């Protein structure tokens, strides 16, 4: 029978979430360049600004929890 170490599984899941959030931020960096951002509607600007902010907040929380 295979025994799963819950602590290792939780750590792996956190690391995957961190990796996924960093990819989301990296993949959306171009949207925040001055040229691209200025061409967006105000609604899209707000959408991407809020989305990226929430990703950064979540990333900081996960990285803080990982370092403990």
N, C-alpha and C. Protein backbone atom coordinates (compact mmCIF):
# COMPACT_ATOMS: atom_id res chain seq x y z
N UNK A 1 0.84 -1.18 0.00
CA UNK A 1 0.00 0.00 0.00
C UNK A 1 0.89 1.25 0.00
N UNK A 2 0.51 2.23 -0.78
CA UNK A 2 1.25 3.47 -0.87
C UNK A 2 0.77 4.43 0.21
N UNK A 3 1.73 4.97 0.94
CA UNK A 3 1.38 5.91 2.00
C UNK A 3 1.82 7.31 1.55
N UNK A 4 0.92 8.25 1.61
CA UNK A 4 1.19 9.61 1.18
C UNK A 4 1.49 10.47 2.40
N UNK A 5 2.60 11.15 2.33
CA UNK A 5 2.98 12.07 3.39
C UNK A 5 2.21 13.38 3.15
N UNK A 6 1.22 13.64 3.99
CA UNK A 6 0.34 14.80 3.80
C UNK A 6 1.12 16.12 3.80
N UNK A 7 2.12 16.20 4.64
CA UNK A 7 2.93 17.43 4.73
C UNK A 7 3.66 17.68 3.41
N UNK A 8 4.24 16.63 2.84
CA UNK A 8 4.93 16.77 1.55
C UNK A 8 3.94 17.12 0.44
N UNK A 9 2.77 16.52 0.48
CA UNK A 9 1.74 16.80 -0.51
C UNK A 9 1.31 18.26 -0.43
N UNK A 10 1.08 18.76 0.79
CA UNK A 10 0.70 20.17 0.97
C UNK A 10 1.79 21.10 0.46
N UNK A 11 3.05 20.77 0.74
CA UNK A 11 4.17 21.58 0.28
C UNK A 11 4.23 21.60 -1.25
N UNK A 12 4.05 20.43 -1.85
CA UNK A 12 4.06 20.33 -3.31
C UNK A 12 2.93 21.16 -3.91
N UNK A 13 1.75 21.13 -3.30
CA UNK A 13 0.62 21.91 -3.80
C UNK A 13 0.89 23.41 -3.70
N UNK A 14 1.50 23.85 -2.60
CA UNK A 14 1.86 25.25 -2.45
C UNK A 14 2.86 25.67 -3.51
N UNK A 15 3.86 24.83 -3.73
CA UNK A 15 4.88 25.15 -4.73
C UNK A 15 4.27 25.23 -6.13
N UNK A 16 3.32 24.36 -6.41
CA UNK A 16 2.64 24.39 -7.71
C UNK A 16 1.81 25.67 -7.85
N UNK A 17 1.11 26.05 -6.78
CA UNK A 17 0.32 27.29 -6.82
C UNK A 17 1.23 28.50 -7.05
N UNK A 18 2.38 28.52 -6.38
CA UNK A 18 3.33 29.62 -6.55
C UNK A 18 3.80 29.68 -7.99
N UNK A 19 4.16 28.53 -8.54
CA UNK A 19 4.63 28.46 -9.93
C UNK A 19 3.53 28.94 -10.88
N UNK A 20 2.29 28.50 -10.66
CA UNK A 20 1.17 28.89 -11.52
C UNK A 20 0.90 30.40 -11.45
N UNK A 21 0.97 30.97 -10.25
CA UNK A 21 0.74 32.41 -10.09
C UNK A 21 1.84 33.22 -10.76
N UNK A 22 3.07 32.76 -10.62
CA UNK A 22 4.19 33.46 -11.28
C UNK A 22 4.04 33.40 -12.79
N UNK A 23 3.54 32.28 -13.30
CA UNK A 23 3.31 32.16 -14.74
C UNK A 23 2.21 33.11 -15.19
N UNK A 24 1.12 33.19 -14.43
CA UNK A 24 0.03 34.11 -14.77
C UNK A 24 0.54 35.55 -14.83
N UNK A 25 1.35 35.92 -13.85
CA UNK A 25 1.90 37.28 -13.83
C UNK A 25 2.83 37.51 -15.00
N UNK A 26 3.68 36.55 -15.26
CA UNK A 26 4.62 36.67 -16.37
C UNK A 26 3.90 36.74 -17.71
N UNK A 27 2.90 35.89 -17.88
CA UNK A 27 2.15 35.86 -19.14
C UNK A 27 1.32 37.12 -19.38
N UNK A 28 1.03 37.85 -18.33
CA UNK A 28 0.22 39.06 -18.49
C UNK A 28 1.04 40.35 -18.37
N UNK A 29 2.36 40.23 -18.23
CA UNK A 29 3.23 41.40 -18.12
C UNK A 29 3.05 42.37 -19.29
N UNK A 30 2.92 41.82 -20.50
CA UNK A 30 2.83 42.67 -21.68
C UNK A 30 1.61 43.59 -21.62
N UNK A 31 0.58 43.16 -20.95
CA UNK A 31 -0.64 43.97 -20.85
C UNK A 31 -0.40 45.25 -20.04
N UNK A 32 0.63 45.24 -19.21
CA UNK A 32 0.87 46.37 -18.33
C UNK A 32 1.89 47.36 -18.91
N UNK A 33 2.43 47.08 -20.09
CA UNK A 33 3.32 48.04 -20.72
C UNK A 33 2.52 49.28 -21.08
N UNK A 34 3.16 50.41 -21.07
CA UNK A 34 2.48 51.68 -21.30
C UNK A 34 1.71 51.68 -22.62
N UNK A 35 2.34 51.21 -23.68
CA UNK A 35 1.69 51.22 -25.00
C UNK A 35 0.43 50.35 -25.02
N UNK A 36 0.54 49.16 -24.49
CA UNK A 36 -0.59 48.24 -24.51
C UNK A 36 -1.69 48.71 -23.55
N UNK A 37 -1.28 49.08 -22.35
CA UNK A 37 -2.22 49.48 -21.31
C UNK A 37 -3.04 50.69 -21.74
N UNK A 38 -2.39 51.64 -22.39
CA UNK A 38 -3.09 52.87 -22.80
C UNK A 38 -4.12 52.62 -23.90
N UNK A 39 -4.00 51.51 -24.59
CA UNK A 39 -4.94 51.18 -25.65
C UNK A 39 -6.17 50.41 -25.13
N UNK A 40 -6.11 49.97 -23.89
CA UNK A 40 -7.23 49.23 -23.31
C UNK A 40 -8.34 50.19 -22.88
N UNK A 41 -9.53 49.63 -22.79
CA UNK A 41 -10.62 50.41 -22.21
C UNK A 41 -10.37 50.55 -20.72
N UNK A 42 -11.01 51.50 -20.10
CA UNK A 42 -10.85 51.69 -18.66
C UNK A 42 -11.30 50.44 -17.90
N UNK A 43 -12.34 49.81 -18.41
CA UNK A 43 -12.84 48.58 -17.79
C UNK A 43 -11.78 47.48 -17.84
N UNK A 44 -11.12 47.31 -18.99
CA UNK A 44 -10.06 46.30 -19.11
C UNK A 44 -8.86 46.65 -18.25
N UNK A 45 -8.52 47.93 -18.19
CA UNK A 45 -7.41 48.36 -17.33
C UNK A 45 -7.69 47.98 -15.87
N UNK A 46 -8.89 48.29 -15.42
CA UNK A 46 -9.28 47.95 -14.05
C UNK A 46 -9.25 46.44 -13.82
N UNK A 47 -9.78 45.71 -14.80
CA UNK A 47 -9.84 44.25 -14.71
C UNK A 47 -8.44 43.66 -14.52
N UNK A 48 -7.52 44.04 -15.39
CA UNK A 48 -6.17 43.47 -15.33
C UNK A 48 -5.38 43.96 -14.13
N UNK A 49 -5.59 45.20 -13.75
CA UNK A 49 -4.91 45.73 -12.57
C UNK A 49 -5.36 44.98 -11.32
N UNK A 50 -6.65 44.78 -11.17
CA UNK A 50 -7.18 44.05 -10.01
C UNK A 50 -6.77 42.58 -10.02
N UNK A 51 -6.84 41.96 -11.19
CA UNK A 51 -6.49 40.55 -11.32
C UNK A 51 -5.03 40.33 -10.91
N UNK A 52 -4.13 41.16 -11.47
CA UNK A 52 -2.71 41.01 -11.16
C UNK A 52 -2.42 41.32 -9.69
N UNK A 53 -3.13 42.28 -9.14
CA UNK A 53 -2.95 42.62 -7.73
C UNK A 53 -3.36 41.45 -6.84
N UNK A 54 -4.46 40.80 -7.18
CA UNK A 54 -4.91 39.65 -6.38
C UNK A 54 -3.92 38.49 -6.50
N UNK A 55 -3.36 38.30 -7.70
CA UNK A 55 -2.35 37.24 -7.87
C UNK A 55 -1.12 37.52 -7.03
N UNK A 56 -0.67 38.79 -7.01
CA UNK A 56 0.51 39.15 -6.21
C UNK A 56 0.23 38.96 -4.72
N UNK A 57 -0.95 39.34 -4.27
CA UNK A 57 -1.32 39.17 -2.87
C UNK A 57 -1.31 37.69 -2.49
N UNK A 58 -1.90 36.87 -3.33
CA UNK A 58 -1.94 35.43 -3.07
C UNK A 58 -0.53 34.84 -3.10
N UNK A 59 0.28 35.30 -4.04
CA UNK A 59 1.65 34.83 -4.15
C UNK A 59 2.46 35.18 -2.90
N UNK A 60 2.33 36.41 -2.44
CA UNK A 60 3.05 36.82 -1.22
C UNK A 60 2.62 35.98 -0.01
N UNK A 61 1.34 35.72 0.09
CA UNK A 61 0.83 34.92 1.20
C UNK A 61 1.39 33.50 1.15
N UNK A 62 1.40 32.91 -0.04
CA UNK A 62 1.93 31.55 -0.19
C UNK A 62 3.43 31.49 0.06
N UNK A 63 4.14 32.48 -0.46
CA UNK A 63 5.60 32.49 -0.26
C UNK A 63 5.94 32.72 1.21
N UNK A 64 5.16 33.54 1.87
CA UNK A 64 5.38 33.76 3.30
C UNK A 64 5.13 32.48 4.09
N UNK A 65 4.09 31.75 3.71
CA UNK A 65 3.76 30.50 4.39
C UNK A 65 4.81 29.43 4.11
N UNK A 66 5.41 29.48 2.93
CA UNK A 66 6.42 28.50 2.55
C UNK A 66 7.71 28.72 3.34
N UNK A 67 8.02 29.99 3.63
CA UNK A 67 9.27 30.31 4.31
C UNK A 67 9.22 30.05 5.81
N UNK A 68 8.06 29.81 6.35
CA UNK A 68 7.95 29.57 7.79
C UNK A 68 8.52 28.23 8.20
